[in-house]
Amino acid sequence: MPKRSSYSGKFKQTVVEDIRKNHLSYSEAMRKYGIGGKMSIQKWERIYLEEGPERLSIERRGRGSTGRPPKLDKKVEEDLIAEVQRLRAENDYLKKLNALVLEKQHQNRKRK
C-alpha cells in the first residue's frame, strides 16, 4: 500500500483491532498496512482505547478551538454571584469598621 496522508476511520479501526487481536508490533502493522509512521498508529490506539472506535473518524488536524469556555450550570452561576455580593458587602463592612476604629483611636489620643 502506498503512503497516504489521510486514512478513513474504518481503516484506522481495522489497524488497531488487528494489532490488539494478533499482538502485532507497530513496525509490523506499518509494513502490513503501508502506514508512514509509528506515531500515527500509537495515536489511533490511544484514541481507540480512551474514546472508543467511533472517535477515530473525527478529523484532528490543525489547532484546537480556544473559543468560549463552556457555560456554568445556572445554579452554580447564581451561587457564585451571591457569594461575590456577600464578600463585597463584608469587605465594605470591614472597611467602615476599620475607619471607625481608627477615628476612635485618633479621638482618644486628642483627649490625653
PDB file of N, CA and C in Angstrom:
ATOM      1  N   MET A   1       0.825  -1.183   0.000  1.00  0.00           N
ATOM      2  CA  MET A   1       0.000   0.000   0.000  1.00  0.00           C
ATOM      3  C   MET A   1       0.870   1.248   0.000  1.00  0.00           C
ATOM      4  N   PRO A   2       0.555   2.256  -0.790  1.00  0.00           N
ATOM      5  CA  PRO A   2       1.349   3.479  -0.796  1.00  0.00           C
ATOM      6  C   PRO A   2       1.056   4.327   0.446  1.00  0.00           C
ATOM      7  N   LYS A   3       2.011   5.221   0.756  1.00  0.00           N
ATOM      8  CA  LYS A   3       1.824   6.113   1.893  1.00  0.00           C
ATOM      9  C   LYS A   3       0.703   7.093   1.603  1.00  0.00           C
ATOM     10  N   ARG A   4      -0.158   7.313   2.590  1.00  0.00           N
ATOM     11  CA  ARG A   4      -1.229   8.293   2.434  1.00  0.00           C
ATOM     12  C   ARG A   4      -1.160   9.266   3.597  1.00  0.00           C
ATOM     13  N   SER A   5      -1.700  10.454   3.376  1.00  0.00           N
ATOM     14  CA  SER A   5      -1.672  11.434   4.453  1.00  0.00           C
ATOM     15  C   SER A   5      -2.953  11.398   5.265  1.00  0.00           C
ATOM     16  N   SER A   6      -4.000  10.763   4.748  1.00  0.00           N
ATOM     17  CA  SER A   6      -5.264  10.709   5.457  1.00  0.00           C
ATOM     18  C   SER A   6      -5.850   9.310   5.347  1.00  0.00           C
ATOM     19  N   TYR A   7      -6.317   8.800   6.449  1.00  0.00           N
ATOM     20  CA  TYR A   7      -6.886   7.457   6.481  1.00  0.00           C
ATOM     21  C   TYR A   7      -8.322   7.548   6.998  1.00  0.00           C
ATOM     22  N   SER A   8      -9.146   6.647   6.522  1.00  0.00           N
ATOM     23  CA  SER A   8     -10.538   6.645   6.968  1.00  0.00           C
ATOM     24  C   SER A   8     -10.623   6.090   8.394  1.00  0.00           C
ATOM     25  N   GLY A   9     -11.713   6.426   9.054  1.00  0.00           N
ATOM     26  CA  GLY A   9     -11.925   5.930  10.414  1.00  0.00           C
ATOM     27  C   GLY A   9     -12.020   4.419  10.457  1.00  0.00           C
ATOM     28  N   LYS A  10     -12.657   3.841   9.441  1.00  0.00           N
ATOM     29  CA  LYS A  10     -12.805   2.382   9.380  1.00  0.00           C
ATOM     30  C   LYS A  10     -11.437   1.709   9.237  1.00  0.00           C
ATOM     31  N   PHE A  11     -10.552   2.310   8.395  1.00  0.00           N
ATOM     32  CA  PHE A  11      -9.210   1.767   8.199  1.00  0.00           C
ATOM     33  C   PHE A  11      -8.431   1.810   9.520  1.00  0.00           C
ATOM     34  N   LYS A  12      -8.497   2.947  10.216  1.00  0.00           N
ATOM     35  CA  LYS A  12      -7.792   3.090  11.495  1.00  0.00           C
ATOM     36  C   LYS A  12      -8.286   2.050  12.490  1.00  0.00           C
ATOM     37  N   GLN A  13      -9.592   1.862  12.533  1.00  0.00           N
ATOM     38  CA  GLN A  13     -10.179   0.889  13.451  1.00  0.00           C
ATOM     39  C   GLN A  13      -9.691  -0.510  13.110  1.00  0.00           C
ATOM     40  N   THR A  14      -9.641  -0.839  11.824  1.00  0.00           N
ATOM     41  CA  THR A  14      -9.171  -2.158  11.390  1.00  0.00           C
ATOM     42  C   THR A  14      -7.732  -2.393  11.837  1.00  0.00           C
ATOM     43  N   VAL A  15      -6.882  -1.368  11.645  1.00  0.00           N
ATOM     44  CA  VAL A  15      -5.467  -1.491  12.021  1.00  0.00           C
ATOM     45  C   VAL A  15      -5.342  -1.730  13.529  1.00  0.00           C
ATOM     46  N   VAL A  16      -6.022  -0.920  14.322  1.00  0.00           N
ATOM     47  CA  VAL A  16      -5.904  -1.037  15.783  1.00  0.00           C
ATOM     48  C   VAL A  16      -6.446  -2.383  16.261  1.00  0.00           C
ATOM     49  N   GLU A  17      -7.570  -2.796  15.731  1.00  0.00           N
ATOM     50  CA  GLU A  17      -8.145  -4.080  16.153  1.00  0.00           C
ATOM     51  C   GLU A  17      -7.242  -5.248  15.744  1.00  0.00           C
ATOM     52  N   ASP A  18      -6.598  -5.151  14.570  1.00  0.00           N
ATOM     53  CA  ASP A  18      -5.669  -6.194  14.131  1.00  0.00           C
ATOM     54  C   ASP A  18      -4.460  -6.248  15.061  1.00  0.00           C
ATOM     55  N   ILE A  19      -3.956  -5.094  15.451  1.00  0.00           N
ATOM     56  CA  ILE A  19      -2.814  -5.037  16.377  1.00  0.00           C
ATOM     57  C   ILE A  19      -3.173  -5.708  17.699  1.00  0.00           C
ATOM     58  N   ARG A  20      -4.351  -5.385  18.213  1.00  0.00           N
ATOM     59  CA  ARG A  20      -4.756  -5.915  19.511  1.00  0.00           C
ATOM     60  C   ARG A  20      -5.089  -7.409  19.439  1.00  0.00           C
ATOM     61  N   LYS A  21      -5.737  -7.822  18.345  1.00  0.00           N
ATOM     62  CA  LYS A  21      -6.151  -9.218  18.224  1.00  0.00           C
ATOM     63  C   LYS A  21      -4.961 -10.138  17.949  1.00  0.00           C
ATOM     64  N   ASN A  22      -4.066  -9.713  17.054  1.00  0.00           N
ATOM     65  CA  ASN A  22      -2.950 -10.564  16.631  1.00  0.00           C
ATOM     66  C   ASN A  22      -1.631 -10.213  17.318  1.00  0.00           C
ATOM     67  N   HIS A  23      -1.672  -9.300  18.286  1.00  0.00           N
ATOM     68  CA  HIS A  23      -0.484  -8.901  19.046  1.00  0.00           C
ATOM     69  C   HIS A  23       0.654  -8.468  18.121  1.00  0.00           C
ATOM     70  N   LEU A  24       0.327  -7.591  17.170  1.00  0.00           N
ATOM     71  CA  LEU A  24       1.338  -7.072  16.248  1.00  0.00           C
ATOM     72  C   LEU A  24       2.071  -5.896  16.892  1.00  0.00           C
ATOM     73  N   SER A  25       3.330  -5.728  16.517  1.00  0.00           N
ATOM     74  CA  SER A  25       4.056  -4.532  16.938  1.00  0.00           C
ATOM     75  C   SER A  25       3.675  -3.406  15.980  1.00  0.00           C
ATOM     76  N   TYR A  26       4.022  -2.190  16.364  1.00  0.00           N
ATOM     77  CA  TYR A  26       3.718  -1.059  15.482  1.00  0.00           C
ATOM     78  C   TYR A  26       4.472  -1.175  14.155  1.00  0.00           C
ATOM     79  N   SER A  27       5.710  -1.660  14.214  1.00  0.00           N
ATOM     80  CA  SER A  27       6.508  -1.822  12.991  1.00  0.00           C
ATOM     81  C   SER A  27       5.869  -2.849  12.055  1.00  0.00           C
ATOM     82  N   GLU A  28       5.390  -3.940  12.617  1.00  0.00           N
ATOM     83  CA  GLU A  28       4.731  -4.959  11.789  1.00  0.00           C
ATOM     84  C   GLU A  28       3.457  -4.398  11.155  1.00  0.00           C
ATOM     85  N   ALA A  29       2.713  -3.647  11.919  1.00  0.00           N
ATOM     86  CA  ALA A  29       1.487  -3.052  11.385  1.00  0.00           C
ATOM     87  C   ALA A  29       1.807  -2.030  10.303  1.00  0.00           C
ATOM     88  N   MET A  30       2.890  -1.277  10.494  1.00  0.00           N
ATOM     89  CA  MET A  30       3.304  -0.310   9.463  1.00  0.00           C
ATOM     90  C   MET A  30       3.573  -1.016   8.138  1.00  0.00           C
ATOM     91  N   ARG A  31       4.337  -2.106   8.206  1.00  0.00           N
ATOM     92  CA  ARG A  31       4.658  -2.840   6.982  1.00  0.00           C
ATOM     93  C   ARG A  31       3.412  -3.485   6.377  1.00  0.00           C
ATOM     94  N   LYS A  32       2.588  -4.083   7.211  1.00  0.00           N
ATOM     95  CA  LYS A  32       1.412  -4.804   6.722  1.00  0.00           C
ATOM     96  C   LYS A  32       0.416  -3.867   6.034  1.00  0.00           C
ATOM     97  N   TYR A  33       0.205  -2.665   6.618  1.00  0.00           N
ATOM     98  CA  TYR A  33      -0.804  -1.757   6.083  1.00  0.00           C
ATOM     99  C   TYR A  33      -0.217  -0.579   5.298  1.00  0.00           C
ATOM    100  N   GLY A  34       1.116  -0.472   5.221  1.00  0.00           N
ATOM    101  CA  GLY A  34       1.753   0.596   4.454  1.00  0.00           C
ATOM    102  C   GLY A  34       1.562   1.974   5.071  1.00  0.00           C
ATOM    103  N   ILE A  35       1.652   2.026   6.382  1.00  0.00           N
ATOM    104  CA  ILE A  35       1.483   3.297   7.080  1.00  0.00           C
ATOM    105  C   ILE A  35       2.846   3.934   7.264  1.00  0.00           C
ATOM    106  N   GLY A  36       2.884   5.267   7.184  1.00  0.00           N
ATOM    107  CA  GLY A  36       4.147   6.002   7.182  1.00  0.00           C
ATOM    108  C   GLY A  36       4.898   6.074   8.496  1.00  0.00           C
ATOM    109  N   GLY A  37       4.250   5.970   9.633  1.00  0.00           N
ATOM    110  CA  GLY A  37       4.974   6.115  10.889  1.00  0.00           C
ATOM    111  C   GLY A  37       4.278   5.463  12.066  1.00  0.00           C
ATOM    112  N   LYS A  38       5.079   5.164  13.096  1.00  0.00           N
ATOM    113  CA  LYS A  38       4.560   4.518  14.298  1.00  0.00           C
ATOM    114  C   LYS A  38       3.669   5.450  15.105  1.00  0.00           C
ATOM    115  N   MET A  39       4.009   6.739  15.088  1.00  0.00           N
ATOM    116  CA  MET A  39       3.264   7.693  15.900  1.00  0.00           C
ATOM    117  C   MET A  39       1.786   7.728  15.521  1.00  0.00           C
ATOM    118  N   SER A  40       1.498   7.598  14.240  1.00  0.00           N
ATOM    119  CA  SER A  40       0.097   7.599  13.803  1.00  0.00           C
ATOM    120  C   SER A  40      -0.652   6.431  14.437  1.00  0.00           C
ATOM    121  N   ILE A  41      -0.059   5.275  14.390  1.00  0.00           N
ATOM    122  CA  ILE A  41      -0.705   4.080  14.938  1.00  0.00           C
ATOM    123  C   ILE A  41      -0.855   4.206  16.457  1.00  0.00           C
ATOM    124  N   GLN A  42       0.163   4.755  17.124  1.00  0.00           N
ATOM    125  CA  GLN A  42       0.081   4.942  18.568  1.00  0.00           C
ATOM    126  C   GLN A  42      -1.060   5.889  18.929  1.00  0.00           C
ATOM    127  N   LYS A  43      -1.210   6.977  18.159  1.00  0.00           N
ATOM    128  CA  LYS A  43      -2.309   7.918  18.411  1.00  0.00           C
ATOM    129  C   LYS A  43      -3.654   7.239  18.188  1.00  0.00           C
ATOM    130  N   TRP A  44      -3.752   6.470  17.104  1.00  0.00           N
ATOM    131  CA  TRP A  44      -5.014   5.773  16.814  1.00  0.00           C
ATOM    132  C   TRP A  44      -5.372   4.820  17.950  1.00  0.00           C
ATOM    133  N   GLU A  45      -4.373   4.095  18.458  1.00  0.00           N
ATOM    134  CA  GLU A  45      -4.635   3.136  19.530  1.00  0.00           C
ATOM    135  C   GLU A  45      -5.075   3.855  20.802  1.00  0.00           C
ATOM    136  N   ARG A  46      -4.437   4.970  21.119  1.00  0.00           N
ATOM    137  CA  ARG A  46      -4.822   5.742  22.305  1.00  0.00           C
ATOM    138  C   ARG A  46      -6.263   6.229  22.178  1.00  0.00           C
ATOM    139  N   ILE A  47      -6.603   6.779  21.009  1.00  0.00           N
ATOM    140  CA  ILE A  47      -7.968   7.263  20.784  1.00  0.00           C
ATOM    141  C   ILE A  47      -8.953   6.100  20.884  1.00  0.00           C
ATOM    142  N   TYR A  48      -8.618   4.983  20.281  1.00  0.00           N
ATOM    143  CA  TYR A  48      -9.473   3.798  20.291  1.00  0.00           C
ATOM    144  C   TYR A  48      -9.746   3.347  21.728  1.00  0.00           C
ATOM    145  N   LEU A  49      -8.710   3.310  22.555  1.00  0.00           N
ATOM    146  CA  LEU A  49      -8.858   2.813  23.923  1.00  0.00           C
ATOM    147  C   LEU A  49      -9.525   3.839  24.851  1.00  0.00           C
ATOM    148  N   GLU A  50      -9.186   5.113  24.698  1.00  0.00           N
ATOM    149  CA  GLU A  50      -9.705   6.127  25.606  1.00  0.00           C
ATOM    150  C   GLU A  50     -11.080   6.652  25.206  1.00  0.00           C
ATOM    151  N   GLU A  51     -11.317   6.805  23.898  1.00  0.00           N
ATOM    152  CA  GLU A  51     -12.532   7.471  23.450  1.00  0.00           C
ATOM    153  C   GLU A  51     -13.487   6.564  22.680  1.00  0.00           C
ATOM    154  N   GLY A  52     -12.997   5.419  22.241  1.00  0.00           N
ATOM    155  CA  GLY A  52     -13.852   4.487  21.522  1.00  0.00           C
ATOM    156  C   GLY A  52     -13.584   4.504  20.025  1.00  0.00           C
ATOM    157  N   PRO A  53     -13.954   3.424  19.328  1.00  0.00           N
ATOM    158  CA  PRO A  53     -13.650   3.302  17.901  1.00  0.00           C
ATOM    159  C   PRO A  53     -14.350   4.344  17.024  1.00  0.00           C
ATOM    160  N   GLU A  54     -15.522   4.826  17.437  1.00  0.00           N
ATOM    161  CA  GLU A  54     -16.242   5.798  16.610  1.00  0.00           C
ATOM    162  C   GLU A  54     -15.510   7.136  16.540  1.00  0.00           C
ATOM    163  N   ARG A  55     -14.637   7.431  17.512  1.00  0.00           N
ATOM    164  CA  ARG A  55     -13.911   8.702  17.533  1.00  0.00           C
ATOM    165  C   ARG A  55     -12.711   8.710  16.581  1.00  0.00           C
ATOM    166  N   LEU A  56     -12.381   7.563  15.995  1.00  0.00           N
ATOM    167  CA  LEU A  56     -11.278   7.521  15.040  1.00  0.00           C
ATOM    168  C   LEU A  56     -11.619   8.227  13.725  1.00  0.00           C
ATOM    169  N   SER A  57     -12.892   8.392  13.441  1.00  0.00           N
ATOM    170  CA  SER A  57     -13.286   9.007  12.174  1.00  0.00           C
ATOM    171  C   SER A  57     -13.280  10.532  12.226  1.00  0.00           C
ATOM    172  N   ILE A  58     -13.039  11.118  13.400  1.00  0.00           N
ATOM    173  CA  ILE A  58     -13.023  12.571  13.541  1.00  0.00           C
ATOM    174  C   ILE A  58     -11.688  13.127  13.059  1.00  0.00           C
ATOM    175  N   GLU A  59     -11.733  14.165  12.234  1.00  0.00           N
ATOM    176  CA  GLU A  59     -10.524  14.818  11.732  1.00  0.00           C
ATOM    177  C   GLU A  59      -9.896  15.614  12.869  1.00  0.00           C
ATOM    178  N   ARG A  60      -8.616  15.394  13.157  1.00  0.00           N
ATOM    179  CA  ARG A  60      -7.966  16.033  14.297  1.00  0.00           C
ATOM    180  C   ARG A  60      -6.795  16.915  13.895  1.00  0.00           C
ATOM    181  N   ARG A  61      -6.654  17.233  12.637  1.00  0.00           N
ATOM    182  CA  ARG A  61      -5.529  18.071  12.225  1.00  0.00           C
ATOM    183  C   ARG A  61      -5.822  19.533  12.529  1.00  0.00           C
ATOM    184  N   GLY A  62      -4.764  20.319  12.670  1.00  0.00           N
ATOM    185  CA  GLY A  62      -4.918  21.747  12.921  1.00  0.00           C
ATOM    186  C   GLY A  62      -4.950  22.060  14.401  1.00  0.00           C
ATOM    187  N   ARG A  63      -5.107  23.336  14.673  1.00  0.00           N
ATOM    188  CA  ARG A  63      -5.147  23.781  16.063  1.00  0.00           C
ATOM    189  C   ARG A  63      -6.523  23.552  16.656  1.00  0.00           C
ATOM    190  N   GLY A  64      -6.547  23.256  17.912  1.00  0.00           N
ATOM    191  CA  GLY A  64      -7.804  23.082  18.607  1.00  0.00           C
ATOM    192  C   GLY A  64      -8.480  24.422  18.837  1.00  0.00           C
ATOM    193  N   SER A  65      -9.746  24.394  19.055  1.00  0.00           N
ATOM    194  CA  SER A  65     -10.511  25.611  19.288  1.00  0.00           C
ATOM    195  C   SER A  65     -10.221  26.152  20.683  1.00  0.00           C
ATOM    196  N   THR A  66      -9.973  27.454  20.734  1.00  0.00           N
ATOM    197  CA  THR A  66      -9.792  28.115  22.018  1.00  0.00           C
ATOM    198  C   THR A  66     -10.953  29.075  22.238  1.00  0.00           C
ATOM    199  N   GLY A  67     -12.095  28.690  21.732  1.00  0.00           N
ATOM    200  CA  GLY A  67     -13.286  29.530  21.809  1.00  0.00           C
ATOM    201  C   GLY A  67     -13.756  29.754  23.223  1.00  0.00           C
ATOM    202  N   ARG A  68     -14.986  30.118  23.344  1.00  0.00           N
ATOM    203  CA  ARG A  68     -15.552  30.436  24.637  1.00  0.00           C
ATOM    204  C   ARG A  68     -15.559  29.204  25.542  1.00  0.00           C
ATOM    205  N   PRO A  69     -15.291  29.423  26.818  1.00  0.00           N
ATOM    206  CA  PRO A  69     -15.350  28.294  27.751  1.00  0.00           C
ATOM    207  C   PRO A  69     -16.806  27.843  27.924  1.00  0.00           C
ATOM    208  N   PRO A  70     -17.021  26.609  28.306  1.00  0.00           N
ATOM    209  CA  PRO A  70     -18.393  26.125  28.472  1.00  0.00           C
ATOM    210  C   PRO A  70     -19.106  26.900  29.577  1.00  0.00           C
ATOM    211  N   LYS A  71     -20.406  27.097  29.378  1.00  0.00           N
ATOM    212  CA  LYS A  71     -21.189  27.846  30.357  1.00  0.00           C
ATOM    213  C   LYS A  71     -21.381  27.015  31.624  1.00  0.00           C
ATOM    214  N   LEU A  72     -21.436  27.747  32.747  1.00  0.00           N
ATOM    215  CA  LEU A  72     -21.683  27.099  34.031  1.00  0.00           C
ATOM    216  C   LEU A  72     -23.163  26.773  34.166  1.00  0.00           C
ATOM    217  N   ASP A  73     -23.444  25.829  35.017  1.00  0.00           N
ATOM    218  CA  ASP A  73     -24.821  25.494  35.341  1.00  0.00           C
ATOM    219  C   ASP A  73     -25.468  26.728  35.983  1.00  0.00           C
ATOM    220  N   LYS A  74     -26.741  26.946  35.712  1.00  0.00           N
ATOM    221  CA  LYS A  74     -27.449  28.134  36.197  1.00  0.00           C
ATOM    222  C   LYS A  74     -27.365  28.248  37.728  1.00  0.00           C
ATOM    223  N   LYS A  75     -27.538  27.135  38.427  1.00  0.00           N
ATOM    224  CA  LYS A  75     -27.494  27.135  39.891  1.00  0.00           C
ATOM    225  C   LYS A  75     -26.108  27.531  40.395  1.00  0.00           C
ATOM    226  N   VAL A  76     -25.058  27.005  39.766  1.00  0.00           N
ATOM    227  CA  VAL A  76     -23.688  27.319  40.163  1.00  0.00           C
ATOM    228  C   VAL A  76     -23.409  28.799  39.926  1.00  0.00           C
ATOM    229  N   GLU A  77     -23.848  29.295  38.779  1.00  0.00           N
ATOM    230  CA  GLU A  77     -23.637  30.700  38.460  1.00  0.00           C
ATOM    231  C   GLU A  77     -24.328  31.612  39.483  1.00  0.00           C
ATOM    232  N   GLU A  78     -25.558  31.273  39.854  1.00  0.00           N
ATOM    233  CA  GLU A  78     -26.285  32.062  40.855  1.00  0.00           C
ATOM    234  C   GLU A  78     -25.583  32.018  42.206  1.00  0.00           C
ATOM    235  N   ASP A  79     -25.070  30.849  42.591  1.00  0.00           N
ATOM    236  CA  ASP A  79     -24.349  30.718  43.855  1.00  0.00           C
ATOM    237  C   ASP A  79     -23.089  31.580  43.861  1.00  0.00           C
ATOM    238  N   LEU A  80     -22.376  31.590  42.740  1.00  0.00           N
ATOM    239  CA  LEU A  80     -21.156  32.388  42.647  1.00  0.00           C
ATOM    240  C   LEU A  80     -21.461  33.882  42.724  1.00  0.00           C
ATOM    241  N   ILE A  81     -22.517  34.304  42.061  1.00  0.00           N
ATOM    242  CA  ILE A  81     -22.905  35.715  42.099  1.00  0.00           C
ATOM    243  C   ILE A  81     -23.289  36.110  43.529  1.00  0.00           C
ATOM    244  N   ALA A  82     -24.047  35.248  44.213  1.00  0.00           N
ATOM    245  CA  ALA A  82     -24.440  35.528  45.593  1.00  0.00           C
ATOM    246  C   ALA A  82     -23.218  35.617  46.502  1.00  0.00           C
ATOM    247  N   GLU A  83     -22.253  34.734  46.298  1.00  0.00           N
ATOM    248  CA  GLU A  83     -21.052  34.751  47.130  1.00  0.00           C
ATOM    249  C   GLU A  83     -20.236  36.018  46.891  1.00  0.00           C
ATOM    250  N   VAL A  84     -20.135  36.443  45.636  1.00  0.00           N
ATOM    251  CA  VAL A  84     -19.413  37.679  45.325  1.00  0.00           C
ATOM    252  C   VAL A  84     -20.090  38.865  46.001  1.00  0.00           C
ATOM    253  N   GLN A  85     -21.421  38.932  45.941  1.00  0.00           N
ATOM    254  CA  GLN A  85     -22.146  40.022  46.593  1.00  0.00           C
ATOM    255  C   GLN A  85     -21.929  40.008  48.109  1.00  0.00           C
ATOM    256  N   ARG A  86     -21.965  38.820  48.709  1.00  0.00           N
ATOM    257  CA  ARG A  86     -21.746  38.703  50.151  1.00  0.00           C
ATOM    258  C   ARG A  86     -20.337  39.153  50.527  1.00  0.00           C
ATOM    259  N   LEU A  87     -19.350  38.757  49.729  1.00  0.00           N
ATOM    260  CA  LEU A  87     -17.963  39.144  50.024  1.00  0.00           C
ATOM    261  C   LEU A  87     -17.750  40.642  49.848  1.00  0.00           C
ATOM    262  N   ARG A  88     -18.406  41.233  48.862  1.00  0.00           N
ATOM    263  CA  ARG A  88     -18.296  42.687  48.681  1.00  0.00           C
ATOM    264  C   ARG A  88     -18.907  43.421  49.865  1.00  0.00           C
ATOM    265  N   ALA A  89     -20.053  42.942  50.318  1.00  0.00           N
ATOM    266  CA  ALA A  89     -20.696  43.571  51.478  1.00  0.00           C
ATOM    267  C   ALA A  89     -19.816  43.427  52.716  1.00  0.00           C
ATOM    268  N   GLU A  90     -19.231  42.258  52.905  1.00  0.00           N
ATOM    269  CA  GLU A  90     -18.343  42.034  54.046  1.00  0.00           C
ATOM    270  C   GLU A  90     -17.124  42.943  53.961  1.00  0.00           C
ATOM    271  N   ASN A  91     -16.579  43.095  52.778  1.00  0.00           N
ATOM    272  CA  ASN A  91     -15.424  43.956  52.564  1.00  0.00           C
ATOM    273  C   ASN A  91     -15.770  45.412  52.903  1.00  0.00           C
ATOM    274  N   ASP A  92     -16.933  45.885  52.436  1.00  0.00           N
ATOM    275  CA  ASP A  92     -17.374  47.246  52.755  1.00  0.00           C
ATOM    276  C   ASP A  92     -17.546  47.417  54.260  1.00  0.00           C
ATOM    277  N   TYR A  93     -18.148  46.444  54.923  1.00  0.00           N
ATOM    278  CA  TYR A  93     -18.349  46.493  56.382  1.00  0.00           C
ATOM    279  C   TYR A  93     -17.009  46.599  57.109  1.00  0.00           C
ATOM    280  N   LEU A  94     -16.040  45.765  56.698  1.00  0.00           N
ATOM    281  CA  LEU A  94     -14.736  45.776  57.363  1.00  0.00           C
ATOM    282  C   LEU A  94     -14.007  47.098  57.140  1.00  0.00           C
ATOM    283  N   LYS A  95     -14.160  47.685  55.958  1.00  0.00           N
ATOM    284  CA  LYS A  95     -13.536  48.990  55.706  1.00  0.00           C
ATOM    285  C   LYS A  95     -14.137  50.060  56.605  1.00  0.00           C
ATOM    286  N   LYS A  96     -15.464  50.067  56.737  1.00  0.00           N
ATOM    287  CA  LYS A  96     -16.123  51.046  57.608  1.00  0.00           C
ATOM    288  C   LYS A  96     -15.743  50.828  59.064  1.00  0.00           C
ATOM    289  N   LEU A  97     -15.698  49.571  59.483  1.00  0.00           N
ATOM    290  CA  LEU A  97     -15.310  49.249  60.851  1.00  0.00           C
ATOM    291  C   LEU A  97     -13.888  49.726  61.124  1.00  0.00           C
ATOM    292  N   ASN A  98     -12.994  49.478  60.199  1.00  0.00           N
ATOM    293  CA  ASN A  98     -11.609  49.905  60.351  1.00  0.00           C
ATOM    294  C   ASN A  98     -11.529  51.424  60.449  1.00  0.00           C
ATOM    295  N   ALA A  99     -12.309  52.126  59.619  1.00  0.00           N
ATOM    296  CA  ALA A  99     -12.317  53.592  59.664  1.00  0.00           C
ATOM    297  C   ALA A  99     -12.825  54.081  61.023  1.00  0.00           C
ATOM    298  N   LEU A 100     -13.877  53.454  61.555  1.00  0.00           N
ATOM    299  CA  LEU A 100     -14.404  53.851  62.862  1.00  0.00           C
ATOM    300  C   LEU A 100     -13.399  53.603  63.981  1.00  0.00           C
ATOM    301  N   VAL A 101     -12.726  52.471  63.940  1.00  0.00           N
ATOM    302  CA  VAL A 101     -11.724  52.146  64.955  1.00  0.00           C
ATOM    303  C   VAL A 101     -10.584  53.157  64.908  1.00  0.00           C
ATOM    304  N   LEU A 102     -10.130  53.503  63.712  1.00  0.00           N
ATOM    305  CA  LEU A 102      -9.053  54.480  63.584  1.00  0.00           C
ATOM    306  C   LEU A 102      -9.502  55.854  64.087  1.00  0.00           C
ATOM    307  N   GLU A 103     -10.735  56.224  63.784  1.00  0.00           N
ATOM    308  CA  GLU A 103     -11.265  57.506  64.233  1.00  0.00           C
ATOM    309  C   GLU A 103     -11.350  57.558  65.762  1.00  0.00           C
ATOM    310  N   LYS A 104     -11.804  56.462  66.359  1.00  0.00           N
ATOM    311  CA  LYS A 104     -11.919  56.398  67.820  1.00  0.00           C
ATOM    312  C   LYS A 104     -10.536  56.488  68.469  1.00  0.00           C
ATOM    313  N   GLN A 105      -9.547  55.793  67.878  1.00  0.00           N
ATOM    314  CA  GLN A 105      -8.181  55.858  68.400  1.00  0.00           C
ATOM    315  C   GLN A 105      -7.646  57.277  68.288  1.00  0.00           C
ATOM    316  N   HIS A 106      -7.946  57.941  67.188  1.00  0.00           N
ATOM    317  CA  HIS A 106      -7.486  59.307  66.965  1.00  0.00           C
ATOM    318  C   HIS A 106      -8.111  60.256  68.005  1.00  0.00           C
ATOM    319  N   GLN A 107      -9.402  60.063  68.323  1.00  0.00           N
ATOM    320  CA  GLN A 107     -10.079  60.903  69.326  1.00  0.00           C
ATOM    321  C   GLN A 107      -9.512  60.651  70.716  1.00  0.00           C
ATOM    322  N   ASN A 108      -9.194  59.394  71.030  1.00  0.00           N
ATOM    323  CA  ASN A 108      -8.619  59.072  72.336  1.00  0.00           C
ATOM    324  C   ASN A 108      -7.257  59.715  72.503  1.00  0.00           C
ATOM    325  N   ARG A 109      -6.503  59.831  71.472  1.00  0.00           N
ATOM    326  CA  ARG A 109      -5.175  60.451  71.547  1.00  0.00           C
ATOM    327  C   ARG A 109      -5.302  61.960  71.770  1.00  0.00           C
ATOM    328  N   LYS A 110      -6.318  62.568  71.187  1.00  0.00           N
ATOM    329  CA  LYS A 110      -6.516  64.001  71.362  1.00  0.00           C
ATOM    330  C   LYS A 110      -6.887  64.331  72.799  1.00  0.00           C
ATOM    331  N   ARG A 111      -7.688  63.501  73.435  1.00  0.00           N
ATOM    332  CA  ARG A 111      -8.150  63.754  74.802  1.00  0.00           C
ATOM    333  C   ARG A 111      -7.006  63.655  75.811  1.00  0.00           C
ATOM    334  N   LYS A 112      -6.049  62.803  75.574  1.00  0.00           N
ATOM    335  CA  LYS A 112      -4.970  62.584  76.541  1.00  0.00           C
ATOM    336  C   LYS A 112      -3.982  63.679  76.511  1.00  0.00           C
TER     337      LYS A 112
END
